[in-house]
Amino acid sequence: MAKHGFDMIKRTLLLPGAVASGFLIATYWPGAPDALRAALAGKLPAALGQTSAGRSEPLPAAAVEPAQKPAEEPGLVHLTDGQITKAGIRTDAVRGGRLARHLTVPGSIVPSANNTARIAVKTTGIVADLRKGLGDRVAKGEIVAMLDSRDIADAKSEYLAARVSADLQKTLYERDQSLWDKRISSEQQYLRSQASYRDLKVKEDSARRKLTFLGLSAAEIDALPNQPEAQFERQQIRSPIAGRIVDRRVDLGAAVGRDNLETELYSVVDLSKVWVDLAVTPGDLPLVREGQAVTVWTQATDERGEGRIVFIGPVLDQATRAARVVAELPNSDERWRPGSFVTAEIAISDKPVRVLVPADAVLTIAGKPTAFVKVENGFEARPVGVGRQDDRSVEITSGLEPGDTIAVANTFVLKAELGKAAAED
């Protein structure tokens, strides 16, 4: 009992001394060694830790050290799916692709010279009928106008007369040949009939070719013997191609033909394919070749089309000092109108790569190229190795594999969140 009482007195005296010593050291000697602070701190819990039975018991850990917040994983941005959607962050799977470089040049849409036709007359006459107006569609071989022409009537009459004479002489020739074979008539008579028939046949063929040159089809020529004489002056004008009427040069009743008169009635254009006239500077001309792919778009509507270069002019324009480059563009829906100004991208190189990502997916963080890879609870900032690049994409040589999902749009939001987390740490 005496010993227990002595311990109580000793503990009572030591406790105020330890507390006072710790207070004085913290106030007047803030730079005290950690060992001294730990020694004094150890005495106080030891003194307070004695039970009434004289046994010391350890205090809970919370009473000795304050609770610490779990450390954030470095390079990880925590975002929920809702936050990702709200921030406009778009993701996509990493895949291979083709690395292409482009040359951007101005251009204009023009009708294809291969799909343009002018409907003209080949003789003098008067326009008796115009069946098509501006913008109307026509089929190949369709009648678009009617012409009254004395020259046409004379040519038809000449052909019919030559045809009748040739047919009659053919009958006489065949009869004389039969008589000569039977040795009934003389050989001289047979040879005269043969020469006459051949001469008239040449005249018939010449008259037929004249009608063909004037625009009559073979079917129309064969039907002439049954045509009424009142229609001999009438000629049908047909379209040589299918397309749309883009120009009408004459009116009803106009005199057309030779001797300084208008010969062209209509202009027809097939707009299923159009040309794009591109102006390429001499410095860029060595990069351009026939067959290269061309992407065309308009800034007003942002419509795009794909075509290919079909012609490179060998001579520079004297005014612009640029070479004429022509690309052919499909236009089945006729959305590309001749006369429109466009911007064109010529693909001057095209190489396959194993891992290709959009340029916006790669950011520079701490001086290193970095991509944000989608993980379970957000995005991981992963350093990557970059290789070649073009106007829109970057080749990744290390750090990413095909199939990884990365952020490809609004990645600056992730960079800002990463920087904020680093500042808080």
Protein backbone atom coordinates (compact mmCIF):
# COMPACT_ATOMS: atom_id res chain seq x y z
CA MET A 1 0.00 0.00 0.00
CA ALA A 2 2.83 2.36 0.95
CA LYS A 3 4.47 1.73 -2.47
CA HIS A 4 1.21 2.34 -4.29
CA GLY A 5 0.73 5.60 -2.52
CA PHE A 6 4.27 6.67 -3.37
CA ASP A 7 3.60 5.94 -7.09
CA MET A 8 0.45 8.02 -7.07
CA ILE A 9 2.33 10.99 -5.54
CA LYS A 10 5.13 10.58 -8.12
CA ARG A 11 2.68 10.44 -11.01
CA THR A 12 0.85 13.48 -9.71
CA LEU A 13 4.09 15.48 -9.60
CA LEU A 14 5.36 14.36 -13.03
CA LEU A 15 2.20 15.12 -14.98
CA PRO A 16 2.10 18.91 -14.46
CA GLY A 17 5.83 19.08 -15.13
CA ALA A 18 5.59 17.27 -18.45
CA VAL A 19 2.68 19.41 -19.58
CA ALA A 20 4.47 22.61 -18.61
CA SER A 21 7.68 21.52 -20.33
CA GLY A 22 5.88 20.71 -23.57
CA PHE A 23 4.09 24.07 -23.54
CA LEU A 24 7.31 26.02 -22.97
CA ILE A 25 9.18 24.13 -25.71
CA ALA A 26 6.38 24.63 -28.26
CA THR A 27 6.16 28.34 -27.47
CA TYR A 28 9.76 29.47 -27.08
CA TRP A 29 11.63 26.76 -28.99
CA PRO A 30 9.58 25.84 -32.10
CA GLY A 31 12.66 24.42 -33.75
CA ALA A 32 13.24 21.89 -31.02
CA PRO A 33 14.52 18.52 -32.21
CA ASP A 34 11.88 15.98 -33.01
CA ALA A 35 13.57 13.51 -30.68
CA LEU A 36 13.04 15.84 -27.68
CA ARG A 37 9.42 16.44 -28.61
CA ALA A 38 8.83 12.71 -28.99
CA ALA A 39 10.46 12.00 -25.60
CA LEU A 40 8.26 14.47 -23.79
CA ALA A 41 5.19 13.37 -25.67
CA GLY A 42 5.94 9.80 -24.73
CA LYS A 43 6.02 10.60 -21.06
CA LEU A 44 2.60 12.21 -21.09
CA PRO A 45 0.72 9.29 -22.60
CA ALA A 46 2.69 6.93 -20.39
CA ALA A 47 1.65 8.89 -17.35
CA LEU A 48 -1.96 9.13 -18.48
CA GLY A 49 -2.04 5.54 -19.62
CA GLN A 50 -1.73 4.03 -16.12
CA THR A 51 -4.86 2.38 -14.86
CA SER A 52 -5.95 2.32 -11.31
CA ALA A 53 -4.49 -1.13 -11.11
CA GLY A 54 -1.06 0.16 -12.05
CA ARG A 55 -1.06 -1.35 -15.54
CA SER A 56 -0.39 0.78 -18.66
CA GLU A 57 -2.80 0.47 -21.64
CA PRO A 58 -2.18 1.84 -25.13
CA LEU A 59 -4.44 4.68 -26.35
CA PRO A 60 -6.41 4.44 -29.58
CA ALA A 61 -4.50 5.38 -32.70
CA ALA A 62 -6.87 8.28 -33.34
CA ALA A 63 -5.82 9.83 -30.08
CA VAL A 64 -2.16 9.77 -31.08
CA GLU A 65 -2.21 10.66 -34.80
CA PRO A 66 -4.83 12.61 -36.78
CA ALA A 67 -6.81 10.77 -39.53
CA GLN A 68 -5.24 11.16 -42.99
CA LYS A 69 -7.14 11.50 -46.33
CA PRO A 70 -6.35 8.69 -48.80
CA ALA A 71 -3.89 9.88 -51.45
CA GLU A 72 -5.25 10.36 -54.99
CA GLU A 73 -3.75 8.08 -57.63
CA PRO A 74 -1.38 10.25 -59.70
CA GLY A 75 -2.44 10.92 -63.31
CA LEU A 76 -6.06 9.89 -62.71
CA VAL A 77 -9.04 12.21 -63.27
CA HIS A 78 -12.17 10.97 -61.48
CA LEU A 79 -15.33 11.70 -63.51
CA THR A 80 -18.70 10.04 -63.61
CA ASP A 81 -20.48 9.24 -66.85
CA GLY A 82 -22.82 12.17 -66.24
CA GLN A 83 -19.91 14.57 -65.76
CA ILE A 84 -18.26 13.27 -68.93
CA THR A 85 -21.42 13.87 -70.93
CA LYS A 86 -21.98 17.31 -69.43
CA ALA A 87 -18.41 18.38 -70.23
CA GLY A 88 -18.84 17.30 -73.86
CA ILE A 89 -15.95 14.86 -73.68
CA ARG A 90 -16.19 12.42 -76.57
CA THR A 91 -14.39 9.09 -76.63
CA ASP A 92 -13.44 6.70 -79.39
CA ALA A 93 -11.60 3.42 -79.77
CA VAL A 94 -7.98 3.47 -80.89
CA ARG A 95 -7.49 1.87 -84.29
CA GLY A 96 -5.20 1.84 -87.27
CA GLY A 97 -5.63 4.05 -90.28
CA ARG A 98 -3.97 5.89 -93.12
CA LEU A 99 -1.79 8.92 -92.62
CA ALA A 100 -2.48 11.46 -95.33
CA ARG A 101 -1.08 14.90 -96.09
CA HIS A 102 -3.19 17.39 -98.02
CA LEU A 103 -2.67 20.44 -100.19
CA THR A 104 -5.45 23.02 -99.83
CA VAL A 105 -6.29 25.11 -102.92
CA PRO A 106 -9.25 27.20 -104.12
CA GLY A 107 -11.45 26.02 -106.96
CA SER A 108 -14.70 26.49 -108.84
CA ILE A 109 -17.35 24.11 -110.16
CA VAL A 110 -17.71 23.99 -113.95
CA PRO A 111 -19.66 21.67 -116.27
CA SER A 112 -17.75 18.66 -117.50
CA ALA A 113 -16.61 19.20 -121.08
CA ASN A 114 -17.21 15.50 -121.67
CA ASN A 115 -20.89 15.90 -120.74
CA THR A 116 -21.76 19.13 -122.55
CA ALA A 117 -23.49 19.39 -125.95
CA ARG A 118 -24.68 22.21 -128.20
CA ILE A 119 -27.77 21.49 -130.26
CA ALA A 120 -27.28 23.23 -133.58
CA VAL A 121 -28.71 23.14 -137.09
CA LYS A 122 -26.62 22.30 -140.15
CA THR A 123 -28.64 24.10 -142.78
CA THR A 124 -30.65 27.28 -143.21
CA GLY A 125 -34.28 27.36 -142.14
CA ILE A 126 -36.95 28.79 -139.85
CA VAL A 127 -37.60 27.58 -136.29
CA ALA A 128 -41.09 26.06 -136.44
CA ASP A 129 -41.31 24.61 -132.93
CA LEU A 130 -39.36 24.79 -129.64
CA ARG A 131 -40.32 21.99 -127.29
CA LYS A 132 -37.95 22.62 -124.39
CA GLY A 133 -37.31 25.54 -122.05
CA LEU A 134 -34.49 26.46 -119.68
CA GLY A 135 -33.96 23.87 -116.98
CA ASP A 136 -35.99 21.17 -118.72
CA ARG A 137 -34.59 17.65 -118.75
CA VAL A 138 -34.05 15.88 -122.05
CA ALA A 139 -33.24 12.29 -122.96
CA LYS A 140 -30.67 11.26 -125.53
CA GLY A 141 -32.27 11.37 -128.99
CA GLU A 142 -35.35 13.27 -127.78
CA ILE A 143 -36.88 15.84 -130.19
CA VAL A 144 -36.31 19.37 -128.82
CA ALA A 145 -37.22 21.52 -131.86
CA MET A 146 -38.64 21.47 -135.40
CA LEU A 147 -37.13 23.28 -138.37
CA ASP A 148 -38.64 24.22 -141.74
CA SER A 149 -35.95 24.22 -144.41
CA ARG A 150 -36.01 24.27 -148.22
CA ASP A 151 -32.53 22.71 -148.21
CA ILE A 152 -33.88 19.74 -146.27
CA ALA A 153 -36.75 19.31 -148.75
CA ASP A 154 -34.35 19.41 -151.70
CA ALA A 155 -32.02 16.88 -150.05
CA LYS A 156 -34.89 14.50 -149.36
CA SER A 157 -36.17 14.78 -152.93
CA GLU A 158 -32.69 14.20 -154.30
CA TYR A 159 -32.31 11.07 -152.23
CA LEU A 160 -35.71 9.65 -153.20
CA ALA A 161 -35.03 10.27 -156.94
CA ALA A 162 -31.62 8.58 -156.69
CA ARG A 163 -33.17 5.68 -154.81
CA VAL A 164 -35.91 5.14 -157.44
CA SER A 165 -33.41 5.32 -160.32
CA ALA A 166 -31.06 2.89 -158.58
CA ASP A 167 -33.87 0.44 -157.85
CA LEU A 168 -35.04 0.53 -161.51
CA GLN A 169 -31.55 0.08 -162.87
CA LYS A 170 -31.00 -2.77 -160.40
CA THR A 171 -33.97 -4.59 -161.94
CA LEU A 172 -32.63 -4.07 -165.48
CA TYR A 173 -29.18 -5.18 -164.41
CA GLU A 174 -30.48 -8.39 -162.85
CA ARG A 175 -32.51 -9.14 -166.01
CA ASP A 176 -29.54 -8.59 -168.35
CA GLN A 177 -27.39 -10.74 -166.08
CA SER A 178 -29.91 -13.55 -166.32
CA LEU A 179 -30.04 -13.26 -170.12
CA TRP A 180 -26.28 -13.22 -170.38
CA ASP A 181 -26.02 -16.32 -168.22
CA LYS A 182 -28.36 -18.06 -170.66
CA ARG A 183 -26.42 -16.58 -173.58
CA ILE A 184 -29.57 -14.96 -174.89
CA SER A 185 -28.26 -11.34 -174.83
CA SER A 186 -24.85 -9.99 -175.54
CA GLU A 187 -22.14 -9.47 -172.97
CA GLN A 188 -21.92 -5.80 -173.95
CA GLN A 189 -25.55 -5.21 -172.90
CA TYR A 190 -24.93 -6.94 -169.58
CA LEU A 191 -21.84 -4.81 -168.85
CA ARG A 192 -23.65 -1.56 -169.72
CA SER A 193 -26.47 -2.45 -167.30
CA GLN A 194 -23.98 -3.27 -164.62
CA ALA A 195 -22.14 0.07 -165.00
CA SER A 196 -25.37 2.06 -164.98
CA TYR A 197 -26.58 0.38 -161.81
CA ARG A 198 -23.31 0.98 -159.99
CA ASP A 199 -23.33 4.67 -161.00
CA LEU A 200 -26.89 5.19 -159.76
CA LYS A 201 -26.10 3.31 -156.55
CA VAL A 202 -23.21 5.68 -155.84
CA LYS A 203 -25.57 8.65 -156.32
CA GLU A 204 -28.11 7.09 -153.98
CA ASP A 205 -25.47 6.50 -151.30
CA SER A 206 -24.20 10.06 -151.68
CA ALA A 207 -27.71 11.49 -151.26
CA ARG A 208 -28.23 9.33 -148.15
CA ARG A 209 -24.96 10.52 -146.59
CA LYS A 210 -26.03 14.12 -147.20
CA LEU A 211 -29.24 13.55 -145.25
CA THR A 212 -27.26 11.91 -142.46
CA PHE A 213 -24.97 14.93 -142.30
CA LEU A 214 -27.99 17.23 -142.07
CA GLY A 215 -29.12 15.37 -138.97
CA LEU A 216 -31.59 12.71 -140.15
CA SER A 217 -31.36 9.33 -138.47
CA ALA A 218 -31.27 6.04 -140.40
CA ALA A 219 -34.86 5.30 -139.36
CA GLU A 220 -36.03 8.70 -140.64
CA ILE A 221 -34.28 8.18 -143.98
CA ASP A 222 -35.79 4.72 -144.42
CA ALA A 223 -39.25 6.14 -143.71
CA LEU A 224 -39.01 8.91 -146.35
CA PRO A 225 -40.82 6.96 -149.11
CA ASN A 226 -43.94 6.90 -146.90
CA GLN A 227 -43.66 10.51 -145.70
CA PRO A 228 -46.19 13.03 -147.06
CA GLU A 229 -44.66 15.60 -149.41
CA ALA A 230 -46.07 18.43 -147.26
CA GLN A 231 -43.66 17.42 -144.48
CA PHE A 232 -40.58 17.28 -146.67
CA GLU A 233 -39.49 20.71 -145.43
CA ARG A 234 -39.85 19.72 -141.76
CA GLN A 235 -36.77 18.51 -139.87
CA GLN A 236 -36.69 17.13 -136.34
CA ILE A 237 -33.86 18.46 -134.11
CA ARG A 238 -32.78 15.94 -131.46
CA SER A 239 -30.58 16.13 -128.38
CA PRO A 240 -27.31 14.18 -128.72
CA ILE A 241 -27.04 13.56 -124.95
CA ALA A 242 -29.23 13.31 -121.86
CA GLY A 243 -29.14 16.24 -119.47
CA ARG A 244 -30.74 19.61 -118.75
CA ILE A 245 -31.24 22.64 -120.94
CA VAL A 246 -28.96 25.38 -119.61
CA ASP A 247 -29.19 27.84 -122.51
CA ARG A 248 -31.66 28.70 -125.31
CA ARG A 249 -30.32 30.90 -128.07
CA VAL A 250 -33.30 31.41 -130.44
CA ASP A 251 -37.02 32.17 -130.39
CA LEU A 252 -39.90 30.68 -132.33
CA GLY A 253 -39.84 31.79 -135.99
CA ALA A 254 -36.18 32.82 -135.94
CA ALA A 255 -34.11 32.34 -139.07
CA VAL A 256 -31.13 30.09 -138.41
CA GLY A 257 -28.33 28.53 -140.37
CA ARG A 258 -25.42 29.79 -142.39
CA ASP A 259 -24.58 33.28 -143.66
CA ASN A 260 -23.99 34.91 -140.21
CA LEU A 261 -27.20 33.50 -138.75
CA GLU A 262 -27.44 31.72 -135.42
CA THR A 263 -26.83 28.00 -135.75
CA GLU A 264 -27.09 26.97 -132.09
CA LEU A 265 -30.54 26.37 -130.61
CA TYR A 266 -29.82 24.94 -127.14
CA SER A 267 -27.01 24.00 -124.77
CA VAL A 268 -27.43 20.75 -122.84
CA VAL A 269 -25.36 19.70 -119.85
CA ASP A 270 -25.29 16.36 -118.08
CA LEU A 271 -24.64 17.33 -114.43
CA SER A 272 -24.26 13.77 -113.13
CA LYS A 273 -20.53 14.57 -113.16
CA VAL A 274 -18.95 18.00 -112.87
CA TRP A 275 -15.43 19.36 -113.03
CA VAL A 276 -13.60 21.32 -110.36
CA ASP A 277 -11.12 23.85 -111.74
CA LEU A 278 -8.25 24.11 -109.23
CA ALA A 279 -5.53 26.76 -109.19
CA VAL A 280 -2.20 25.21 -108.10
CA THR A 281 0.91 27.35 -107.69
CA PRO A 282 4.11 26.35 -109.52
CA GLY A 283 5.77 25.50 -106.18
CA ASP A 284 3.06 22.96 -105.31
CA LEU A 285 2.68 21.57 -108.82
CA PRO A 286 5.33 18.80 -108.37
CA LEU A 287 3.18 17.34 -105.55
CA VAL A 288 0.12 16.93 -107.78
CA ARG A 289 -0.49 13.91 -110.04
CA GLU A 290 -3.39 12.61 -112.10
CA GLY A 291 -5.49 10.12 -110.15
CA GLN A 292 -4.96 11.74 -106.74
CA ALA A 293 -8.00 11.94 -104.47
CA VAL A 294 -9.58 15.36 -103.91
CA THR A 295 -12.01 16.38 -101.15
CA VAL A 296 -14.18 19.37 -102.05
CA TRP A 297 -16.37 21.42 -99.71
CA THR A 298 -18.14 24.76 -99.47
CA GLN A 299 -17.85 26.94 -96.38
CA ALA A 300 -21.42 28.20 -96.75
CA THR A 301 -23.14 24.80 -96.46
CA ASP A 302 -20.21 22.59 -95.34
CA GLU A 303 -21.20 20.05 -97.99
CA ARG A 304 -18.40 17.68 -98.99
CA GLY A 305 -17.65 15.54 -102.01
CA GLU A 306 -14.90 13.18 -103.14
CA GLY A 307 -13.36 13.22 -106.61
CA ARG A 308 -10.11 12.56 -108.49
CA ILE A 309 -7.75 14.62 -110.60
CA VAL A 310 -8.21 13.91 -114.32
CA PHE A 311 -6.12 16.64 -115.96
CA ILE A 312 -3.06 18.79 -115.17
CA GLY A 313 -2.44 21.68 -117.53
CA PRO A 314 1.06 21.77 -119.06
CA VAL A 315 1.01 25.58 -119.38
CA LEU A 316 0.77 28.18 -116.59
CA ASP A 317 -1.90 30.87 -116.75
CA GLN A 318 -0.31 34.16 -117.81
CA ALA A 319 -2.46 36.24 -115.45
CA THR A 320 -2.39 34.13 -112.27
CA ARG A 321 0.87 32.22 -112.87
CA ALA A 322 -0.95 29.09 -111.70
CA ALA A 323 -1.46 25.76 -113.42
CA ARG A 324 -4.93 24.54 -114.27
CA VAL A 325 -5.73 21.30 -112.49
CA VAL A 326 -9.10 19.61 -113.14
CA ALA A 327 -10.78 17.13 -110.82
CA GLU A 328 -13.90 15.15 -111.72
CA LEU A 329 -16.62 15.05 -109.06
CA PRO A 330 -19.69 12.75 -108.99
CA ASN A 331 -22.91 14.77 -108.82
CA SER A 332 -25.83 12.38 -109.16
CA ASP A 333 -28.07 14.51 -106.93
CA GLU A 334 -26.93 17.72 -108.70
CA ARG A 335 -26.07 19.47 -105.44
CA TRP A 336 -22.86 20.90 -106.96
CA ARG A 337 -23.85 23.81 -109.18
CA PRO A 338 -21.53 25.12 -111.88
CA GLY A 339 -20.18 28.54 -110.95
CA SER A 340 -19.87 27.79 -107.22
CA PHE A 341 -16.59 28.55 -105.47
CA VAL A 342 -15.20 25.72 -103.34
CA THR A 343 -12.16 24.72 -101.30
CA ALA A 344 -10.35 21.54 -102.26
CA GLU A 345 -7.90 19.30 -100.43
CA ILE A 346 -5.57 17.25 -102.63
CA ALA A 347 -4.22 14.12 -100.91
CA ILE A 348 -0.49 14.28 -101.70
CA SER A 349 0.54 11.31 -99.51
CA ASP A 350 -1.25 8.30 -98.05
CA LYS A 351 0.48 5.72 -95.81
CA PRO A 352 -0.96 3.00 -93.50
CA VAL A 353 -0.13 3.16 -89.76
CA ARG A 354 -0.87 0.71 -86.94
CA VAL A 355 -2.15 3.23 -84.34
CA LEU A 356 -3.67 6.53 -85.48
CA VAL A 357 -5.53 9.01 -83.26
CA PRO A 358 -7.01 12.48 -83.86
CA ALA A 359 -4.59 15.34 -83.22
CA ASP A 360 -6.93 16.76 -80.54
CA ALA A 361 -6.51 13.56 -78.51
CA VAL A 362 -2.82 14.29 -77.78
CA LEU A 363 -1.93 17.06 -75.29
CA THR A 364 1.38 18.19 -73.86
CA ILE A 365 1.49 17.68 -70.08
CA ALA A 366 4.70 18.27 -68.12
CA GLY A 367 6.50 18.54 -71.44
CA LYS A 368 5.39 15.10 -72.64
CA PRO A 369 2.79 14.07 -75.25
CA THR A 370 -0.12 12.59 -73.29
CA ALA A 371 -3.43 10.91 -74.09
CA PHE A 372 -6.34 10.38 -71.70
CA VAL A 373 -7.34 6.71 -71.60
CA LYS A 374 -10.83 5.81 -70.36
CA VAL A 375 -10.73 3.68 -67.21
CA GLU A 376 -13.42 2.43 -64.85
CA ASN A 377 -13.78 5.58 -62.73
CA GLY A 378 -12.58 8.31 -65.09
CA PHE A 379 -9.56 8.92 -67.30
CA GLU A 380 -5.90 8.06 -66.92
CA ALA A 381 -3.29 10.49 -68.28
CA ARG A 382 -0.90 8.22 -70.17
CA PRO A 383 2.33 9.45 -71.81
CA VAL A 384 2.60 8.35 -75.43
CA GLY A 385 5.20 8.34 -78.16
CA VAL A 386 4.26 10.18 -81.34
CA GLY A 387 5.52 9.66 -84.87
CA ARG A 388 4.40 11.12 -88.16
CA GLN A 389 1.35 13.33 -88.43
CA ASP A 390 -0.85 14.92 -91.03
CA ASP A 391 -3.46 17.68 -91.00
CA ARG A 392 -5.85 15.85 -88.66
CA SER A 393 -4.22 12.75 -87.14
CA VAL A 394 -1.13 11.65 -85.25
CA GLU A 395 0.69 8.31 -85.36
CA ILE A 396 1.22 6.75 -81.91
CA THR A 397 4.39 4.69 -81.60
CA SER A 398 4.06 3.70 -77.92
CA GLY A 399 1.66 4.00 -74.99
CA LEU A 400 -1.54 3.00 -76.81
CA GLU A 401 -2.78 -0.19 -78.42
CA PRO A 402 -5.64 -0.80 -80.86
CA GLY A 403 -8.82 -1.25 -78.84
CA ASP A 404 -7.98 1.29 -76.10
CA THR A 405 -10.67 3.91 -75.55
CA ILE A 406 -9.40 7.49 -75.36
CA ALA A 407 -10.83 11.00 -75.16
CA VAL A 408 -10.83 12.64 -78.60
CA ALA A 409 -12.80 15.86 -78.02
CA ASN A 410 -12.77 18.52 -75.26
CA THR A 411 -9.63 16.95 -73.83
CA PHE A 412 -8.57 20.35 -72.45
CA VAL A 413 -11.19 19.83 -69.73
CA LEU A 414 -9.35 16.72 -68.56
CA LYS A 415 -6.03 18.58 -68.63
CA ALA A 416 -7.50 21.36 -66.48
CA GLU A 417 -8.92 18.84 -63.97
CA LEU A 418 -5.57 17.08 -63.79
CA GLY A 419 -3.79 20.37 -63.13
CA LYS A 420 -6.32 21.29 -60.44
CA ALA A 421 -5.82 17.98 -58.65
CA ALA A 422 -2.03 18.43 -58.75
CA ALA A 423 -2.32 21.95 -57.28
CA GLU A 424 -4.50 20.71 -54.42
CA ASP A 425 -1.94 18.00 -53.57
